[in-house]
Structure formats: structure tokens, C-alpha cells
N, C-alpha and C. Protein backbone atom coordinates (compact mmCIF):
# COMPACT_ATOMS: atom_id res chain seq x y z
N MET A 1 97.07 128.14 135.78
CA MET A 1 98.26 128.43 134.81
C MET A 1 97.59 127.86 133.60
N THR A 2 97.74 128.63 132.37
CA THR A 2 97.31 128.50 131.20
C THR A 2 98.20 127.76 130.34
N VAL A 3 97.97 126.90 129.63
CA VAL A 3 98.83 126.22 128.52
C VAL A 3 99.06 126.91 127.34
N SER A 4 100.06 126.89 127.02
CA SER A 4 100.34 127.75 125.67
C SER A 4 99.68 127.04 124.52
N THR A 5 99.14 127.60 123.66
CA THR A 5 98.43 126.91 122.39
C THR A 5 99.48 127.31 121.20
N LEU A 6 100.63 127.99 121.28
CA LEU A 6 101.17 128.15 120.24
C LEU A 6 102.04 126.90 119.84
N PRO A 7 102.01 126.75 118.51
CA PRO A 7 102.67 125.57 117.94
C PRO A 7 104.20 125.57 118.23
N THR A 8 104.62 124.31 118.38
CA THR A 8 106.12 123.94 118.60
C THR A 8 106.65 124.04 117.34
N ALA A 9 108.16 124.08 117.46
CA ALA A 9 108.94 124.43 116.10
C ALA A 9 108.68 123.09 115.26
N SER A 10 108.62 121.95 115.71
CA SER A 10 108.42 120.82 115.14
C SER A 10 107.18 120.84 114.37
N VAL A 11 106.10 121.21 114.88
CA VAL A 11 104.78 121.35 114.29
C VAL A 11 104.69 122.47 113.19
N SER A 12 105.59 123.52 113.35
CA SER A 12 105.65 124.58 112.30
C SER A 12 106.29 123.92 111.04
N THR A 13 107.29 123.32 111.32
CA THR A 13 108.15 122.71 110.28
C THR A 13 107.34 121.77 109.64
N THR A 14 106.62 120.91 110.27
CA THR A 14 105.89 119.87 109.30
C THR A 14 104.76 120.70 108.52
N ARG A 15 104.15 121.62 109.14
CA ARG A 15 103.11 122.29 108.38
C ARG A 15 103.76 122.99 107.14
N TRP A 16 104.85 123.55 107.33
CA TRP A 16 105.31 124.31 105.98
C TRP A 16 105.86 123.21 105.14
N LEU A 17 106.46 122.11 105.45
CA LEU A 17 106.96 120.96 104.74
C LEU A 17 105.62 120.23 103.87
N ALA A 18 104.42 120.24 104.61
CA ALA A 18 103.17 119.84 103.92
C ALA A 18 102.82 120.74 102.91
N VAL A 19 102.56 122.12 103.24
CA VAL A 19 102.20 123.10 102.32
C VAL A 19 103.35 123.19 101.15
N GLY A 20 104.59 123.25 101.29
CA GLY A 20 105.50 123.30 100.40
C GLY A 20 105.46 122.12 99.50
N SER A 21 105.52 120.88 100.02
CA SER A 21 105.34 119.76 98.99
C SER A 21 104.02 119.78 98.30
N LEU A 22 102.79 120.11 98.92
CA LEU A 22 101.64 120.06 98.28
C LEU A 22 101.66 121.11 97.14
N VAL A 23 102.20 122.33 97.34
CA VAL A 23 102.34 123.34 96.41
C VAL A 23 103.19 122.91 95.22
N GLY A 24 104.28 122.11 95.59
CA GLY A 24 105.27 121.56 94.59
C GLY A 24 104.45 120.49 93.72
N LEU A 25 103.76 119.68 94.35
CA LEU A 25 102.92 118.74 93.44
C LEU A 25 101.95 119.56 92.28
N ILE A 26 101.41 120.71 92.99
CA ILE A 26 100.42 121.39 91.98
C ILE A 26 101.22 122.01 90.79
N VAL A 27 102.37 122.58 91.23
CA VAL A 27 103.08 123.18 90.05
C VAL A 27 103.83 122.22 89.18
N LEU A 28 104.27 120.99 89.71
CA LEU A 28 104.67 119.96 88.82
C LEU A 28 103.94 119.41 88.06
N GLY A 29 102.71 119.26 88.54
CA GLY A 29 101.33 118.70 87.68
C GLY A 29 101.23 119.50 86.61
N LEU A 30 100.99 120.89 86.80
CA LEU A 30 100.67 121.84 85.80
C LEU A 30 101.87 121.87 84.62
N ALA A 31 103.09 122.05 85.14
CA ALA A 31 104.13 122.16 84.32
C ALA A 31 104.32 120.96 83.42
N TRP A 32 104.37 119.77 84.09
CA TRP A 32 104.28 118.43 83.34
C TRP A 32 103.36 118.41 82.32
N GLU A 33 102.05 118.63 82.59
CA GLU A 33 100.98 118.45 81.58
C GLU A 33 100.85 119.49 80.50
N LEU A 34 101.14 120.80 80.84
CA LEU A 34 101.18 121.97 79.95
C LEU A 34 102.31 122.02 79.11
N TRP A 35 103.59 122.08 79.78
CA TRP A 35 104.92 122.42 79.01
C TRP A 35 106.12 121.32 79.09
N LEU A 36 106.43 120.77 80.03
CA LEU A 36 107.50 119.96 80.06
C LEU A 36 107.49 118.50 79.37
N ALA A 37 106.35 117.89 79.40
CA ALA A 37 106.14 116.75 78.72
C ALA A 37 104.84 116.15 78.56
N PRO A 38 103.96 117.15 77.89
CA PRO A 38 102.45 117.02 77.71
C PRO A 38 102.23 115.54 76.78
N LEU A 39 101.21 115.00 76.88
CA LEU A 39 100.92 113.88 75.95
C LEU A 39 100.63 114.37 74.68
N ARG A 40 99.95 115.52 74.57
CA ARG A 40 99.73 116.01 73.05
C ARG A 40 100.43 117.37 73.13
N PRO A 41 101.02 117.81 71.93
CA PRO A 41 101.59 119.13 71.78
C PRO A 41 100.50 120.28 72.13
N GLY A 42 100.90 121.26 73.00
CA GLY A 42 99.88 122.40 73.24
C GLY A 42 99.43 122.09 74.61
N GLY A 43 99.60 120.94 75.23
CA GLY A 43 99.15 120.67 76.60
C GLY A 43 98.08 119.73 76.67
N SER A 44 97.71 119.05 77.87
CA SER A 44 96.83 118.12 77.90
C SER A 44 95.90 118.21 79.05
N TRP A 45 94.78 117.61 78.94
CA TRP A 45 93.67 117.69 79.94
C TRP A 45 93.94 117.07 81.25
N LEU A 46 95.05 116.34 81.06
CA LEU A 46 95.49 115.63 82.48
C LEU A 46 96.03 116.72 83.58
N ALA A 47 96.12 118.07 83.03
CA ALA A 47 96.76 119.04 83.84
C ALA A 47 95.42 119.37 84.88
N LEU A 48 94.25 118.90 84.65
CA LEU A 48 93.12 118.97 85.53
C LEU A 48 93.37 118.13 86.79
N LYS A 49 94.16 117.13 86.62
CA LYS A 49 94.63 116.43 87.92
C LYS A 49 94.88 117.07 89.16
N VAL A 50 95.55 118.37 88.87
CA VAL A 50 95.88 119.04 90.01
C VAL A 50 94.64 119.94 90.72
N LEU A 51 93.53 119.78 90.42
CA LEU A 51 92.28 120.51 90.81
C LEU A 51 92.10 119.97 92.24
N PRO A 52 92.01 118.61 92.65
CA PRO A 52 91.94 118.09 93.79
C PRO A 52 92.90 118.51 94.80
N LEU A 53 94.16 118.88 94.26
CA LEU A 53 95.26 119.22 95.24
C LEU A 53 95.10 120.54 95.61
N VAL A 54 94.33 121.40 95.07
CA VAL A 54 94.22 122.82 95.33
C VAL A 54 93.15 122.94 96.49
N VAL A 55 92.13 121.97 96.39
CA VAL A 55 91.11 122.15 97.50
C VAL A 55 91.83 121.91 99.10
N PRO A 56 92.84 121.09 99.31
CA PRO A 56 93.23 121.04 100.80
C PRO A 56 94.19 122.12 101.01
N LEU A 57 94.53 123.07 100.15
CA LEU A 57 95.76 124.04 100.43
C LEU A 57 95.15 124.93 101.51
N ALA A 58 94.02 125.48 101.38
CA ALA A 58 93.34 126.36 102.32
C ALA A 58 93.57 125.72 103.74
N GLY A 59 92.94 124.35 103.76
CA GLY A 59 92.90 123.69 105.28
C GLY A 59 94.24 123.59 105.66
N LEU A 60 95.31 123.30 105.05
CA LEU A 60 96.73 123.11 105.52
C LEU A 60 97.15 124.53 106.08
N LEU A 61 97.00 125.57 105.15
CA LEU A 61 97.27 126.90 105.70
C LEU A 61 96.53 127.29 107.05
N LYS A 62 95.38 126.83 107.22
CA LYS A 62 94.67 127.35 108.24
C LYS A 62 94.95 126.47 109.49
N ASN A 63 95.67 125.35 109.23
CA ASN A 63 96.38 124.48 110.27
C ASN A 63 94.97 123.51 110.82
N ARG A 64 94.30 122.97 109.88
CA ARG A 64 93.04 122.36 110.25
C ARG A 64 93.42 120.74 110.27
N MET A 65 93.36 119.99 111.35
CA MET A 65 93.86 118.79 111.58
C MET A 65 93.12 117.84 110.69
N TYR A 66 91.81 118.05 110.44
CA TYR A 66 91.18 117.19 109.47
C TYR A 66 91.68 116.90 108.28
N THR A 67 92.11 118.36 107.78
CA THR A 67 92.69 118.39 106.36
C THR A 67 93.98 117.45 106.37
N TYR A 68 94.69 117.52 107.33
CA TYR A 68 96.05 116.85 107.39
C TYR A 68 95.78 115.39 107.37
N ARG A 69 94.63 114.94 107.95
CA ARG A 69 94.34 113.40 107.96
C ARG A 69 94.06 112.98 106.53
N TRP A 70 93.00 113.65 105.96
CA TRP A 70 92.63 113.15 104.62
C TRP A 70 93.64 113.31 103.58
N VAL A 71 94.21 114.45 103.73
CA VAL A 71 95.55 114.46 102.54
C VAL A 71 96.48 113.44 102.75
N SER A 72 96.69 113.09 103.87
CA SER A 72 97.72 111.83 104.10
C SER A 72 97.25 110.42 103.22
N LEU A 73 96.03 110.52 103.08
CA LEU A 73 95.36 109.41 102.37
C LEU A 73 95.08 109.62 100.79
N MET A 74 94.72 110.92 100.74
CA MET A 74 94.45 111.24 99.04
C MET A 74 95.90 111.33 98.40
N VAL A 75 97.00 111.43 99.04
CA VAL A 75 98.32 111.74 98.30
C VAL A 75 98.63 110.37 97.77
N TRP A 76 98.16 109.13 98.32
CA TRP A 76 98.49 107.81 97.84
C TRP A 76 98.21 107.59 96.17
N LEU A 77 97.04 108.37 96.02
CA LEU A 77 96.47 108.25 94.35
C LEU A 77 97.61 108.82 93.61
N TYR A 78 98.07 110.10 93.86
CA TYR A 78 99.27 110.64 93.16
C TYR A 78 100.55 109.85 93.23
N PHE A 79 100.88 109.35 94.33
CA PHE A 79 101.92 108.65 94.46
C PHE A 79 101.93 107.39 93.42
N THR A 80 100.73 106.63 93.49
CA THR A 80 100.57 105.57 92.54
C THR A 80 100.52 105.82 90.93
N GLU A 81 100.24 107.27 90.74
CA GLU A 81 100.23 107.74 89.27
C GLU A 81 101.83 107.81 88.93
N GLY A 82 102.46 108.35 89.93
CA GLY A 82 103.97 108.69 89.80
C GLY A 82 104.56 107.37 89.55
N VAL A 83 104.42 106.40 90.38
CA VAL A 83 105.04 105.16 90.19
C VAL A 83 104.72 104.42 88.88
N VAL A 84 103.57 104.44 88.56
CA VAL A 84 103.07 103.92 87.12
C VAL A 84 103.70 104.61 86.13
N ARG A 85 103.73 105.82 86.21
CA ARG A 85 104.33 106.87 85.03
C ARG A 85 105.66 106.65 84.81
N ALA A 86 106.41 106.35 85.99
CA ALA A 86 107.90 106.15 86.29
C ALA A 86 108.36 104.96 85.49
N TRP A 87 107.63 104.08 85.72
CA TRP A 87 108.07 102.70 84.91
C TRP A 87 107.27 102.37 83.67
N SER A 88 106.47 103.21 83.04
CA SER A 88 105.71 103.11 81.90
C SER A 88 106.12 104.03 80.91
N ASP A 89 106.55 105.21 81.20
CA ASP A 89 106.61 106.24 80.26
C ASP A 89 108.13 105.98 79.59
N THR A 90 107.97 106.20 78.20
CA THR A 90 108.99 105.98 77.28
C THR A 90 110.03 106.81 77.20
N ASN A 91 109.70 108.02 77.51
CA ASN A 91 110.64 109.38 77.52
C ASN A 91 111.20 109.48 78.82
N GLY A 92 112.63 109.98 78.70
CA GLY A 92 113.32 110.02 80.17
C GLY A 92 112.64 111.22 80.82
N VAL A 93 112.26 112.28 80.12
CA VAL A 93 111.83 113.40 80.84
C VAL A 93 110.56 113.04 81.66
N GLY A 94 109.50 112.22 81.15
CA GLY A 94 108.51 111.94 81.95
C GLY A 94 108.81 110.98 83.11
N GLN A 95 109.81 110.07 83.00
CA GLN A 95 110.16 109.27 84.02
C GLN A 95 110.74 110.10 85.17
N VAL A 96 111.61 111.12 84.77
CA VAL A 96 112.31 111.75 85.76
C VAL A 96 111.08 112.81 86.63
N LEU A 97 110.26 113.35 85.82
CA LEU A 97 109.03 114.04 86.34
C LEU A 97 108.24 113.12 87.37
N ALA A 98 108.13 111.97 86.98
CA ALA A 98 107.22 111.14 87.67
C ALA A 98 108.05 110.71 89.02
N LEU A 99 109.43 110.50 89.12
CA LEU A 99 110.12 110.36 90.08
C LEU A 99 110.03 111.43 91.15
N ILE A 100 109.97 112.73 90.64
CA ILE A 100 109.98 113.83 91.42
C ILE A 100 108.77 113.88 91.89
N GLN A 101 107.52 113.54 91.43
CA GLN A 101 106.19 113.43 91.82
C GLN A 101 106.21 112.40 92.96
N VAL A 102 106.91 111.30 93.09
CA VAL A 102 106.94 110.35 93.91
C VAL A 102 107.50 110.71 95.24
N LEU A 103 108.63 111.47 95.15
CA LEU A 103 109.35 111.98 96.14
C LEU A 103 108.44 113.15 96.79
N LEU A 104 107.89 113.95 96.25
CA LEU A 104 106.85 115.06 96.75
C LEU A 104 105.71 114.44 97.48
N CYS A 105 105.27 113.29 96.98
CA CYS A 105 104.25 112.28 97.47
C CYS A 105 104.61 112.19 98.85
N LEU A 106 105.91 111.51 98.98
CA LEU A 106 106.46 110.78 99.96
C LEU A 106 106.48 111.95 101.21
N ALA A 107 107.25 113.04 100.70
CA ALA A 107 107.30 114.28 101.66
C ALA A 107 105.90 114.77 102.36
N LEU A 108 105.09 114.73 101.52
CA LEU A 108 103.67 115.31 101.81
C LEU A 108 103.02 114.28 102.84
N PHE A 109 103.27 113.15 102.51
CA PHE A 109 102.66 112.07 103.57
C PHE A 109 103.54 111.96 104.73
N THR A 110 104.73 111.90 104.70
CA THR A 110 105.48 111.99 105.82
C THR A 110 105.19 113.40 106.82
N ALA A 111 105.04 114.43 105.95
CA ALA A 111 104.86 115.73 106.88
C ALA A 111 103.38 115.64 107.39
N CYS A 112 102.45 115.22 106.83
CA CYS A 112 101.18 115.31 107.34
C CYS A 112 101.12 114.19 108.49
N ALA A 113 101.39 113.06 108.32
CA ALA A 113 101.45 112.05 109.31
C ALA A 113 102.08 112.53 110.57
N TRP A 114 103.44 113.13 110.60
CA TRP A 114 104.27 113.64 111.66
C TRP A 114 103.54 114.79 112.30
N HIS A 115 102.82 115.72 111.30
CA HIS A 115 102.15 116.78 111.84
C HIS A 115 101.00 116.19 112.91
N VAL A 116 100.17 115.49 112.45
CA VAL A 116 98.92 114.95 113.11
C VAL A 116 99.39 114.26 114.40
N ARG A 117 100.62 113.58 114.40
CA ARG A 117 101.21 112.91 115.58
C ARG A 117 101.63 113.75 116.56
N LEU A 118 102.41 114.79 116.10
CA LEU A 118 102.96 115.78 117.03
C LEU A 118 101.97 116.56 117.76
N ARG A 119 100.98 117.06 116.95
CA ARG A 119 99.72 117.92 117.65
C ARG A 119 98.97 117.20 118.45
N LEU A 120 98.78 115.61 118.37
CA LEU A 120 98.02 114.85 119.14
C LEU A 120 98.83 114.55 120.57
N ARG A 121 100.21 114.52 120.18
CA ARG A 121 100.97 114.34 121.46
C ARG A 121 101.12 115.65 122.21
N ASN A 122 101.09 116.61 121.59
CA ASN A 122 101.04 117.95 122.43
C ASN A 122 99.77 118.26 123.05
N ALA A 123 98.67 117.87 122.41
CA ALA A 123 97.40 118.05 123.01
C ALA A 123 97.10 117.13 124.36
N ALA A 124 97.76 116.00 124.16
CA ALA A 124 97.58 115.04 125.39
C ALA A 124 98.48 115.51 126.59
N GLU A 125 99.77 116.18 126.26
CA GLU A 125 100.47 116.67 127.26
C GLU A 125 99.98 117.88 127.80
N ALA A 126 99.37 118.76 127.03
CA ALA A 126 98.62 119.92 127.60
C ALA A 126 97.57 119.47 128.59
N ARG A 127 96.71 118.38 128.10
CA ARG A 127 95.65 118.02 129.03
C ARG A 127 96.18 117.52 130.27
N LYS A 128 97.07 117.01 130.18
CA LYS A 128 97.92 116.34 131.44
C LYS A 128 98.42 117.50 132.43
N LEU A 129 99.08 118.37 131.86
CA LEU A 129 99.49 119.49 132.63
C LEU A 129 98.18 120.19 133.14
N GLU A 130 97.12 120.55 132.51
CA GLU A 130 96.18 121.19 132.93
C GLU A 130 95.23 120.39 134.10
N GLY A 131 95.47 119.00 134.13
CA GLY A 131 94.85 118.08 135.14
C GLY A 131 95.70 118.09 136.22
N ALA A 132 97.07 118.62 136.11
CA ALA A 132 97.81 118.57 137.44
C ALA A 132 98.05 119.60 138.04
N THR A 133 97.62 120.75 137.50
CA THR A 133 97.61 121.98 138.21
C THR A 133 96.36 122.35 138.90
N PRO A 134 96.37 122.84 140.40
CA PRO A 134 95.14 123.01 140.97
C PRO A 134 94.48 124.21 140.51
């Protein structure tokens, strides 16, 4: 008996939630620093902060477990930036954008952590099934 290697619906859902929230963070970071509330008119060099977010996108799309693990740690840098800017920005637009960033970070972390947990549990069940069949 061969154990199916197709992802379950939960694994697929967490994968797309992770990819969606990561893309959301990239788009938000660019829009924020270039158009919506830049520190200087015409855009800001802070838009470069999204470059590290582009790196794991391919790994998430290829469903690489290692990428999910390190992204769940890296996202806390962006979470911290969002929290600091939400409570320190003087304009309302910057605070709203910062709170959106915080929410996207929480969604990304939750999706990555849950994805890893589900895949490890599915792998353990598959090993158990393979060991039980003659």
C-alpha cells in the first residue's frame, strides 16, 4: 500500500494563507513607503525593506518546509516595526498602515507555524501507516 503524498486541504489552506500574507506585506511595504505615507515626498529608501520578504516567496510557492520555518522567525522583525510605528507615527495613515502590517505578520506567522505542524503530523501518520502494512 502506498501512502498518498498529496497535501491535505488544511495544508493547502495554510500554504496559500502564508503566500497571501507574505505578498500582502510586500505590497503594503512598497505602497506605504512610495505612495501612501512616505517619510519624504517622492518616496523613501525604506521601500527596500521589502527585499528580504521577496526571498522566501519562491520557497513558499515550492512548499519547502525549511522556508516556512525561518519565515516564521523572520516575520517578527516586521511585526516589531509595525508595533513601533503604530504607536509612534504622528499621522493617522501611518498608524493604520502599521496596524495592517501587524495583522499581516500575525497571519503569516500563524499560517507558517500551523503549516509546519500539519506537515509534521501528516508525515508521522504516514510513517505509522507504512510501518503497519506488511
